[in-house]
């Protein structure tokens, strides 16, 4: 119990000295140790990353679950299932619920009636839209929201903890600096103190023995005082060296963590690509379902409503036959696939890579962010962190560049590169 009380008193004393130092710094009454410029830039970059990641994460949640009441209920349900270590059941989407209501209504109105049969058809397609939406929500939650949440709740908490510890080490260092400065000032004053004999009034007469005793006591007093301040200076210098060592060590730990933000950006970039691919696949599926529904309703009710969908069919810019079925399925949580490039096949037939010559000016160096496997002979496979030379040619897709590595040449995606000056 005695040990705990002493530790509590010691911690309270440290907290008080830090609070005093912090207050004096804010009032301009104490000097503050500044961090080096590189570490300051890393801290600013980390704060920016955290703030925008949090905003993107929250707004994506709103996009995927617009109703705040449903969102709150879903989060509570997820919390209980996580605590019980059970799998979260798939929820019925609004489109699926609407489709079920339509089919239930058709049973009441009569499935053989025109209205009832149409309700059954529309309800079935609403269920299909709801299923596509549920797959999109599931894929986006795994591939995009989860990595962002892991950064905010994991990596960022660790960074914040080390930054608070660095600030405490910095305050301790400045306290030691101020203490050493005061000790040296007091030592200098003690050394410059006037001689005891000279401070005695001139008309003060003592006997020879009294004068000798007085001089001896004064010299002893000054010697003890100088020795005391000298020991205080030595102690303050030792504490300063220890505080400086701890501060430097903590600054290095914090710097290494902050430099990991670059890897976080690369990971979030990959997740962003997967989110966009899932979103594109979802809209393709929805468009295909709606066109199929329009065709089915037009054929079923053509005699009753001959022009019901004529305007939509004539103004639609994408036909069912031209829908890219290759991206109609949602991507899994694997590594990022090749960027979509509809004109890739056309470029391969018209652009011969081996005949392309680099321009006299306009070539740049680029750093590869992560591995890329060539889809055909016109592309160049990439390895992460390698440097290649890139340039563009007239008429080429802006999402691609020509890359060269030694004697190898081929098209490379822009999203896999970091262009250097």
Protein backbone atom coordinates (compact mmCIF):
# COMPACT_ATOMS: atom_id res chain seq x y z
CA UNK A 1 0.00 0.00 0.00
CA UNK A 2 2.87 2.35 0.82
CA UNK A 3 4.41 1.70 -2.60
CA UNK A 4 1.14 2.56 -4.35
CA UNK A 5 0.83 5.81 -2.43
CA UNK A 6 4.37 6.80 -3.31
CA UNK A 7 3.79 5.96 -6.97
CA UNK A 8 0.56 7.92 -6.98
CA UNK A 9 2.32 10.92 -5.44
CA UNK A 10 5.16 10.63 -7.97
CA UNK A 11 2.75 10.45 -10.90
CA UNK A 12 0.85 13.44 -9.55
CA UNK A 13 4.10 15.39 -9.28
CA UNK A 14 5.08 14.55 -12.87
CA UNK A 15 1.64 15.53 -14.10
CA UNK A 16 1.82 18.82 -12.23
CA UNK A 17 5.26 19.74 -13.63
CA UNK A 18 4.07 18.91 -17.15
CA UNK A 19 0.97 21.03 -16.66
CA UNK A 20 3.07 23.95 -15.42
CA UNK A 21 5.46 23.62 -18.35
CA UNK A 22 2.59 23.42 -20.86
CA UNK A 23 0.87 26.48 -19.33
CA UNK A 24 4.07 28.54 -19.34
CA UNK A 25 4.66 27.60 -22.99
CA UNK A 26 1.19 28.78 -23.93
CA UNK A 27 1.76 32.04 -22.05
CA UNK A 28 5.15 32.53 -23.72
CA UNK A 29 7.05 32.27 -20.44
CA UNK A 30 8.98 29.07 -21.22
CA UNK A 31 10.98 27.74 -24.13
CA UNK A 32 9.60 24.85 -26.18
CA UNK A 33 11.61 22.16 -27.97
CA UNK A 34 10.49 22.09 -31.59
CA UNK A 35 10.25 18.85 -33.56
CA UNK A 36 12.26 18.51 -36.75
CA UNK A 37 10.59 19.56 -39.99
CA UNK A 38 10.33 16.01 -41.38
CA UNK A 39 8.48 14.76 -38.31
CA UNK A 40 6.17 17.79 -38.35
CA UNK A 41 5.29 17.09 -42.00
CA UNK A 42 4.59 13.44 -41.19
CA UNK A 43 2.28 14.47 -38.33
CA UNK A 44 0.39 16.92 -40.55
CA UNK A 45 0.02 14.27 -43.26
CA UNK A 46 -1.23 11.71 -40.74
CA UNK A 47 -3.81 14.14 -39.34
CA UNK A 48 -5.03 14.91 -42.86
CA UNK A 49 -5.29 11.19 -43.65
CA UNK A 50 -7.24 10.48 -40.49
CA UNK A 51 -9.70 13.35 -40.97
CA UNK A 52 -10.53 12.56 -44.59
CA UNK A 53 -10.62 8.81 -44.04
CA UNK A 54 -13.16 9.33 -41.27
CA UNK A 55 -15.32 11.59 -43.47
CA UNK A 56 -15.19 9.17 -46.42
CA UNK A 57 -16.00 6.24 -44.13
CA UNK A 58 -19.01 7.98 -42.54
CA UNK A 59 -20.40 9.20 -45.86
CA UNK A 60 -19.97 5.77 -47.47
CA UNK A 61 -21.98 4.29 -44.62
CA UNK A 62 -24.70 6.86 -45.31
CA UNK A 63 -24.59 5.98 -49.02
CA UNK A 64 -24.93 2.27 -48.37
CA UNK A 65 -27.51 2.70 -45.58
CA UNK A 66 -29.32 6.03 -46.15
CA UNK A 67 -31.95 5.68 -43.40
CA UNK A 68 -30.28 6.75 -40.11
CA UNK A 69 -32.84 4.82 -38.04
CA UNK A 70 -32.17 1.60 -39.93
CA UNK A 71 -28.45 2.33 -39.76
CA UNK A 72 -28.53 2.66 -35.99
CA UNK A 73 -30.55 -0.53 -35.62
CA UNK A 74 -28.19 -2.37 -37.94
CA UNK A 75 -25.17 -1.25 -35.93
CA UNK A 76 -26.75 -2.38 -32.67
CA UNK A 77 -27.58 -5.74 -34.21
CA UNK A 78 -24.04 -6.11 -35.55
CA UNK A 79 -22.65 -5.22 -32.10
CA UNK A 80 -24.64 -7.98 -30.37
CA UNK A 81 -23.75 -10.58 -33.00
CA UNK A 82 -20.07 -9.68 -32.70
CA UNK A 83 -20.21 -10.02 -28.91
CA UNK A 84 -21.91 -13.38 -29.24
CA UNK A 85 -19.33 -14.41 -31.86
CA UNK A 86 -22.05 -15.34 -34.34
CA UNK A 87 -22.40 -14.66 -38.06
CA UNK A 88 -24.46 -11.59 -38.92
CA UNK A 89 -27.52 -12.67 -40.94
CA UNK A 90 -28.18 -11.09 -44.31
CA UNK A 91 -30.85 -8.40 -44.15
CA UNK A 92 -33.78 -8.00 -46.49
CA UNK A 93 -33.29 -4.95 -48.68
CA UNK A 94 -36.01 -2.39 -49.38
CA UNK A 95 -36.34 -3.57 -52.98
CA UNK A 96 -36.80 -7.19 -51.88
CA UNK A 97 -39.42 -6.12 -49.35
CA UNK A 98 -41.24 -4.12 -52.03
CA UNK A 99 -41.19 -7.11 -54.37
CA UNK A 100 -42.64 -9.34 -51.66
CA UNK A 101 -45.44 -6.84 -50.99
CA UNK A 102 -46.26 -6.72 -54.72
CA UNK A 103 -46.48 -10.50 -54.98
CA UNK A 104 -48.61 -10.72 -51.84
CA UNK A 105 -50.94 -8.06 -53.28
CA UNK A 106 -51.18 -10.00 -56.54
CA UNK A 107 -52.50 -12.99 -54.62
CA UNK A 108 -55.28 -10.81 -53.19
CA UNK A 109 -56.15 -9.13 -56.51
CA UNK A 110 -55.93 -12.38 -58.44
CA UNK A 111 -52.83 -13.53 -60.30
CA UNK A 112 -54.88 -14.10 -63.46
CA UNK A 113 -55.89 -10.44 -63.77
CA UNK A 114 -53.72 -8.03 -65.81
CA UNK A 115 -52.87 -6.00 -62.70
CA UNK A 116 -52.14 -9.08 -60.62
CA UNK A 117 -49.92 -10.72 -63.21
CA UNK A 118 -48.01 -7.47 -63.70
CA UNK A 119 -47.52 -7.14 -59.97
CA UNK A 120 -46.07 -10.64 -59.88
CA UNK A 121 -43.64 -9.82 -62.72
CA UNK A 122 -42.54 -6.47 -61.28
CA UNK A 123 -42.24 -7.98 -57.81
CA UNK A 124 -39.93 -10.70 -59.10
CA UNK A 125 -37.64 -8.17 -60.73
CA UNK A 126 -37.70 -5.98 -57.61
CA UNK A 127 -36.43 -9.00 -55.69
CA UNK A 128 -33.65 -9.39 -58.24
CA UNK A 129 -32.71 -5.73 -57.80
CA UNK A 130 -32.73 -6.22 -54.05
CA UNK A 131 -30.47 -9.24 -54.34
CA UNK A 132 -27.99 -7.27 -56.46
CA UNK A 133 -28.09 -4.49 -53.89
CA UNK A 134 -27.46 -6.90 -51.02
CA UNK A 135 -24.44 -8.38 -52.82
CA UNK A 136 -23.13 -4.87 -53.49
CA UNK A 137 -23.54 -3.85 -49.85
CA UNK A 138 -21.81 -7.01 -48.66
CA UNK A 139 -18.90 -6.61 -51.08
CA UNK A 140 -18.46 -2.91 -50.30
CA UNK A 141 -18.53 -3.55 -46.56
CA UNK A 142 -15.78 -6.18 -46.82
CA UNK A 143 -13.55 -4.60 -49.46
CA UNK A 144 -13.88 -0.90 -48.64
CA UNK A 145 -15.48 -0.09 -45.29
CA UNK A 146 -13.63 -2.73 -43.27
CA UNK A 147 -10.10 -1.55 -44.23
CA UNK A 148 -11.04 2.06 -43.46
CA UNK A 149 -12.53 1.06 -40.12
CA UNK A 150 -9.47 -1.03 -39.27
CA UNK A 151 -7.24 1.98 -39.88
CA UNK A 152 -9.35 4.34 -37.74
CA UNK A 153 -9.85 1.87 -34.88
CA UNK A 154 -6.44 0.16 -35.02
CA UNK A 155 -3.50 1.92 -36.64
CA UNK A 156 -4.65 5.42 -35.83
CA UNK A 157 -5.22 4.62 -32.14
CA UNK A 158 -1.65 3.29 -31.95
CA UNK A 159 -0.31 6.42 -33.67
CA UNK A 160 -2.30 8.68 -31.34
CA UNK A 161 -1.01 6.84 -28.28
CA UNK A 162 2.62 7.19 -29.37
CA UNK A 163 2.11 10.86 -30.23
CA UNK A 164 0.74 11.57 -26.76
CA UNK A 165 3.73 9.77 -25.28
CA UNK A 166 6.05 11.85 -27.48
CA UNK A 167 4.41 15.06 -26.25
CA UNK A 168 4.92 13.93 -22.63
CA UNK A 169 8.59 13.16 -23.34
CA UNK A 170 8.95 16.57 -24.90
CA UNK A 171 7.44 18.28 -21.85
CA UNK A 172 9.76 16.29 -19.54
CA UNK A 173 12.73 17.35 -21.64
CA UNK A 174 11.80 21.03 -21.46
CA UNK A 175 11.23 20.76 -17.70
CA UNK A 176 14.77 19.35 -17.31
CA UNK A 177 16.18 22.14 -19.50
CA UNK A 178 14.47 24.79 -17.39
CA UNK A 179 15.65 23.11 -14.17
CA UNK A 180 19.27 23.00 -15.39
CA UNK A 181 19.11 26.63 -16.43
CA UNK A 182 17.89 27.68 -12.99
CA UNK A 183 20.54 25.57 -11.23
CA UNK A 184 23.36 27.09 -13.29
CA UNK A 185 22.06 30.59 -12.63
CA UNK A 186 21.94 29.93 -8.88
CA UNK A 187 25.43 28.43 -8.96
CA UNK A 188 26.77 31.51 -10.71
CA UNK A 189 25.17 33.79 -8.13
CA UNK A 190 26.62 31.73 -5.28
CA UNK A 191 30.10 31.88 -6.83
CA UNK A 192 29.82 35.65 -7.30
CA UNK A 193 28.69 36.31 -3.71
CA UNK A 194 30.78 39.07 -1.95
CA UNK A 195 33.39 38.10 0.61
CA UNK A 196 32.06 37.90 4.16
CA UNK A 197 34.89 40.13 5.49
CA UNK A 198 34.15 42.86 2.97
CA UNK A 199 30.48 43.02 3.88
CA UNK A 200 31.24 43.77 7.57
CA UNK A 201 30.84 47.48 8.59
CA UNK A 202 34.14 49.28 8.88
CA UNK A 203 33.44 50.48 12.40
CA UNK A 204 32.74 46.93 13.55
CA UNK A 205 35.74 45.90 15.65
CA UNK A 206 36.32 42.34 16.77
CA UNK A 207 39.00 40.66 18.66
CA UNK A 208 41.56 38.64 16.76
CA UNK A 209 40.02 35.32 17.76
CA UNK A 210 36.46 36.45 17.01
CA UNK A 211 37.51 37.80 13.64
CA UNK A 212 39.28 34.56 12.73
CA UNK A 213 36.27 32.49 13.82
CA UNK A 214 33.91 34.70 11.88
CA UNK A 215 36.00 34.40 8.74
CA UNK A 216 36.20 30.64 9.07
CA UNK A 217 32.42 30.30 9.49
CA UNK A 218 31.74 32.56 6.50
CA UNK A 219 34.14 30.69 4.23
CA UNK A 220 32.64 27.38 5.32
CA UNK A 221 29.13 28.67 4.61
CA UNK A 222 30.07 29.84 1.12
CA UNK A 223 31.89 26.61 0.37
CA UNK A 224 28.92 24.47 1.42
CA UNK A 225 26.57 26.64 -0.60
CA UNK A 226 28.69 26.39 -3.76
CA UNK A 227 29.05 22.66 -3.28
CA UNK A 228 25.27 22.32 -2.88
CA UNK A 229 24.54 24.15 -6.13
CA UNK A 230 27.28 22.27 -7.94
CA UNK A 231 25.65 18.99 -6.95
CA UNK A 232 22.30 20.37 -8.06
CA UNK A 233 23.77 21.24 -11.48
CA UNK A 234 25.26 17.76 -11.86
CA UNK A 235 21.91 16.18 -10.98
CA UNK A 236 20.04 18.41 -13.44
CA UNK A 237 22.53 17.59 -16.23
CA UNK A 238 22.07 13.86 -15.61
CA UNK A 239 18.28 14.19 -15.69
CA UNK A 240 18.54 16.20 -18.91
CA UNK A 241 20.63 13.50 -20.60
CA UNK A 242 18.12 10.82 -19.61
CA UNK A 243 15.17 12.94 -20.78
CA UNK A 244 16.91 13.70 -24.09
CA UNK A 245 17.55 9.98 -24.69
CA UNK A 246 13.93 9.06 -23.98
CA UNK A 247 12.66 11.87 -26.19
CA UNK A 248 14.89 10.84 -29.12
CA UNK A 249 13.83 7.21 -28.77
CA UNK A 250 10.14 8.09 -28.71
CA UNK A 251 10.54 10.47 -31.66
CA UNK A 252 12.06 7.64 -33.70
CA UNK A 253 9.22 5.26 -32.79
CA UNK A 254 6.63 7.87 -33.73
CA UNK A 255 8.41 8.65 -37.00
CA UNK A 256 8.40 4.98 -38.06
CA UNK A 257 4.68 4.71 -37.36
CA UNK A 258 3.89 7.90 -39.26
CA UNK A 259 5.92 6.79 -42.27
CA UNK A 260 3.58 3.80 -42.47
CA UNK A 261 0.85 6.18 -43.67
CA UNK A 262 2.24 5.74 -47.20
CA UNK A 263 1.43 2.02 -47.05
CA UNK A 264 -2.01 2.92 -45.76
CA UNK A 265 -2.60 5.12 -48.80
CA UNK A 266 -1.62 2.27 -51.13
CA UNK A 267 -3.95 -0.13 -49.34
CA UNK A 268 -6.84 2.33 -49.42
CA UNK A 269 -6.19 2.96 -53.12
CA UNK A 270 -6.57 -0.76 -53.81
CA UNK A 271 -9.76 -0.86 -51.77
CA UNK A 272 -11.11 2.15 -53.64
CA UNK A 273 -10.61 0.34 -56.97
CA UNK A 274 -12.51 -2.67 -55.66
CA UNK A 275 -15.33 -0.43 -54.42
CA UNK A 276 -15.66 1.24 -57.82
CA UNK A 277 -15.68 -2.14 -59.59
CA UNK A 278 -18.38 -3.44 -57.25
CA UNK A 279 -20.43 -0.29 -57.76
CA UNK A 280 -20.09 -0.50 -61.56
CA UNK A 281 -21.10 -4.18 -61.55
CA UNK A 282 -24.10 -3.36 -59.38
CA UNK A 283 -25.35 -0.65 -61.74
CA UNK A 284 -24.82 -2.94 -64.75
CA UNK A 285 -26.92 -5.62 -63.10
CA UNK A 286 -29.66 -3.12 -62.22
CA UNK A 287 -29.70 -1.74 -65.76
CA UNK A 288 -29.96 -5.24 -67.23
CA UNK A 289 -32.78 -6.23 -64.87
CA UNK A 290 -34.75 -3.07 -65.69
CA UNK A 291 -34.34 -3.55 -69.44
CA UNK A 292 -35.48 -7.16 -69.13
CA UNK A 293 -38.45 -5.98 -67.10
CA UNK A 294 -39.33 -3.37 -69.72
CA UNK A 295 -39.19 -5.95 -72.49
CA UNK A 296 -41.31 -8.40 -70.56
CA UNK A 297 -43.94 -5.80 -69.72
CA UNK A 298 -43.96 -4.52 -73.29
CA UNK A 299 -44.55 -8.01 -74.69
CA UNK A 300 -47.14 -8.91 -72.05
CA UNK A 301 -49.13 -5.64 -72.19
CA UNK A 302 -48.42 -4.55 -75.75
CA UNK A 303 -52.07 -4.57 -76.76
CA UNK A 304 -53.22 -2.60 -73.72
CA UNK A 305 -50.28 -0.16 -73.36
CA UNK A 306 -48.54 -0.15 -76.77
CA UNK A 307 -46.45 2.98 -76.14
CA UNK A 308 -45.78 2.63 -72.41
CA UNK A 309 -42.03 2.10 -72.77
CA UNK A 310 -41.38 3.26 -76.31
CA UNK A 311 -39.86 6.58 -75.24
CA UNK A 312 -37.51 4.99 -72.70
CA UNK A 313 -36.42 2.33 -75.17
CA UNK A 314 -35.69 4.88 -77.90
CA UNK A 315 -33.77 7.30 -75.64
CA UNK A 316 -31.74 4.67 -73.80
CA UNK A 317 -28.08 4.92 -74.75
CA UNK A 318 -27.24 1.32 -73.82
CA UNK A 319 -29.05 -1.73 -75.21
CA UNK A 320 -29.38 -5.07 -73.50
CA UNK A 321 -27.32 -6.83 -76.10
CA UNK A 322 -24.40 -4.44 -75.63
CA UNK A 323 -24.24 -4.77 -71.84
CA UNK A 324 -20.78 -5.93 -70.70
CA UNK A 325 -21.71 -9.31 -69.18
CA UNK A 326 -18.08 -9.84 -68.23
CA UNK A 327 -18.43 -7.41 -65.32
CA UNK A 328 -21.94 -8.40 -64.29
CA UNK A 329 -20.66 -10.32 -61.27
CA UNK A 330 -19.33 -8.73 -58.14
CA UNK A 331 -15.58 -9.03 -57.49
CA UNK A 332 -14.40 -10.91 -54.44
CA UNK A 333 -12.05 -9.62 -51.73
CA UNK A 334 -8.94 -10.64 -53.65
CA UNK A 335 -6.20 -8.45 -55.08
CA UNK A 336 -7.22 -5.64 -57.46
CA UNK A 337 -8.07 -6.78 -60.96
CA UNK A 338 -7.06 -5.06 -64.19
CA UNK A 339 -8.55 -1.59 -64.64
CA UNK A 340 -11.52 -1.65 -67.01
CA UNK A 341 -10.48 -0.61 -70.49
CA UNK A 342 -13.14 -1.12 -73.15
CA UNK A 343 -10.81 0.09 -75.90
CA UNK A 344 -8.00 -2.32 -74.97
CA UNK A 345 -8.84 -4.82 -77.70
CA UNK A 346 -9.17 -2.06 -80.28
CA UNK A 347 -5.80 -0.58 -79.34
CA UNK A 348 -4.13 -3.98 -79.51
CA UNK A 349 -5.30 -4.42 -83.09
CA UNK A 350 -4.31 -0.93 -84.24
CA UNK A 351 -1.30 -0.12 -82.03
CA UNK A 352 1.79 -2.28 -82.38
CA UNK A 353 3.87 -1.89 -79.25
CA UNK A 354 7.12 -2.99 -80.86
CA UNK A 355 6.82 -0.18 -83.43
CA UNK A 356 6.23 2.56 -80.84
CA UNK A 357 9.23 4.86 -80.39
CA UNK A 358 9.77 6.97 -77.26
CA UNK A 359 9.43 10.71 -77.87
CA UNK A 360 12.49 12.97 -77.79
CA UNK A 361 11.04 14.72 -74.75
CA UNK A 362 8.23 13.82 -72.39
CA UNK A 363 9.49 10.58 -70.88
CA UNK A 364 9.26 10.27 -67.10
CA UNK A 365 10.30 7.91 -64.38
CA UNK A 366 7.56 6.11 -62.47
CA UNK A 367 7.53 3.97 -59.34
CA UNK A 368 5.33 0.86 -59.38
CA UNK A 369 2.92 0.84 -56.43
CA UNK A 370 2.01 -2.86 -56.50
CA UNK A 371 2.32 -5.95 -58.70
CA UNK A 372 0.53 -6.15 -62.03
CA UNK A 373 0.21 -9.19 -64.33
CA UNK A 374 -0.03 -8.45 -68.05
CA UNK A 375 -3.33 -9.52 -69.62
CA UNK A 376 -1.80 -10.01 -73.10
CA UNK A 377 1.42 -9.53 -75.05
CA UNK A 378 0.81 -5.81 -75.54
CA UNK A 379 1.03 -5.13 -71.77
CA UNK A 380 4.04 -5.07 -69.45
CA UNK A 381 4.06 -7.00 -66.17
CA UNK A 382 5.10 -4.93 -63.15
CA UNK A 383 6.66 -5.59 -59.78
CA UNK A 384 6.02 -3.33 -56.80
CA UNK A 385 8.67 -0.69 -55.94
CA UNK A 386 10.52 -1.01 -59.25
CA UNK A 387 11.31 2.04 -61.42
CA UNK A 388 10.36 2.17 -65.10
CA UNK A 389 10.34 4.77 -67.88
CA UNK A 390 6.89 5.80 -69.11
CA UNK A 391 5.53 7.99 -71.88
CA UNK A 392 2.38 8.41 -73.93
CA UNK A 393 1.59 8.38 -77.62
CA UNK A 394 -1.13 10.24 -79.55
CA UNK A 395 -4.53 8.55 -79.62
CA UNK A 396 -3.80 6.31 -76.65
CA UNK A 397 -6.26 5.70 -73.80
CA UNK A 398 -5.39 8.21 -71.01
CA UNK A 399 -5.71 5.43 -68.43
CA UNK A 400 -2.67 3.69 -69.93
CA UNK A 401 0.96 4.59 -70.65
CA UNK A 402 3.80 2.97 -72.55
CA UNK A 403 6.34 1.55 -70.09
CA UNK A 404 9.91 0.46 -70.73
CA UNK A 405 12.18 -1.64 -68.55
CA UNK A 406 15.46 -2.51 -70.24
CA UNK A 407 14.57 -4.25 -73.52
CA UNK A 408 10.97 -4.88 -72.44
CA UNK A 409 8.17 -2.59 -73.53
CA UNK A 410 4.40 -2.62 -73.13
CA UNK A 411 1.30 -0.81 -71.93
CA UNK A 412 0.94 -0.21 -68.19
CA UNK A 413 -2.06 1.13 -66.20
CA UNK A 414 -1.69 4.61 -64.75
CA UNK A 415 -3.39 3.64 -61.47
CA UNK A 416 -0.55 1.23 -60.65
CA UNK A 417 2.12 3.94 -60.92
CA UNK A 418 3.45 6.92 -58.99
CA UNK A 419 4.89 9.39 -61.48
CA UNK A 420 8.18 10.93 -60.39
CA UNK A 421 9.65 14.27 -61.43
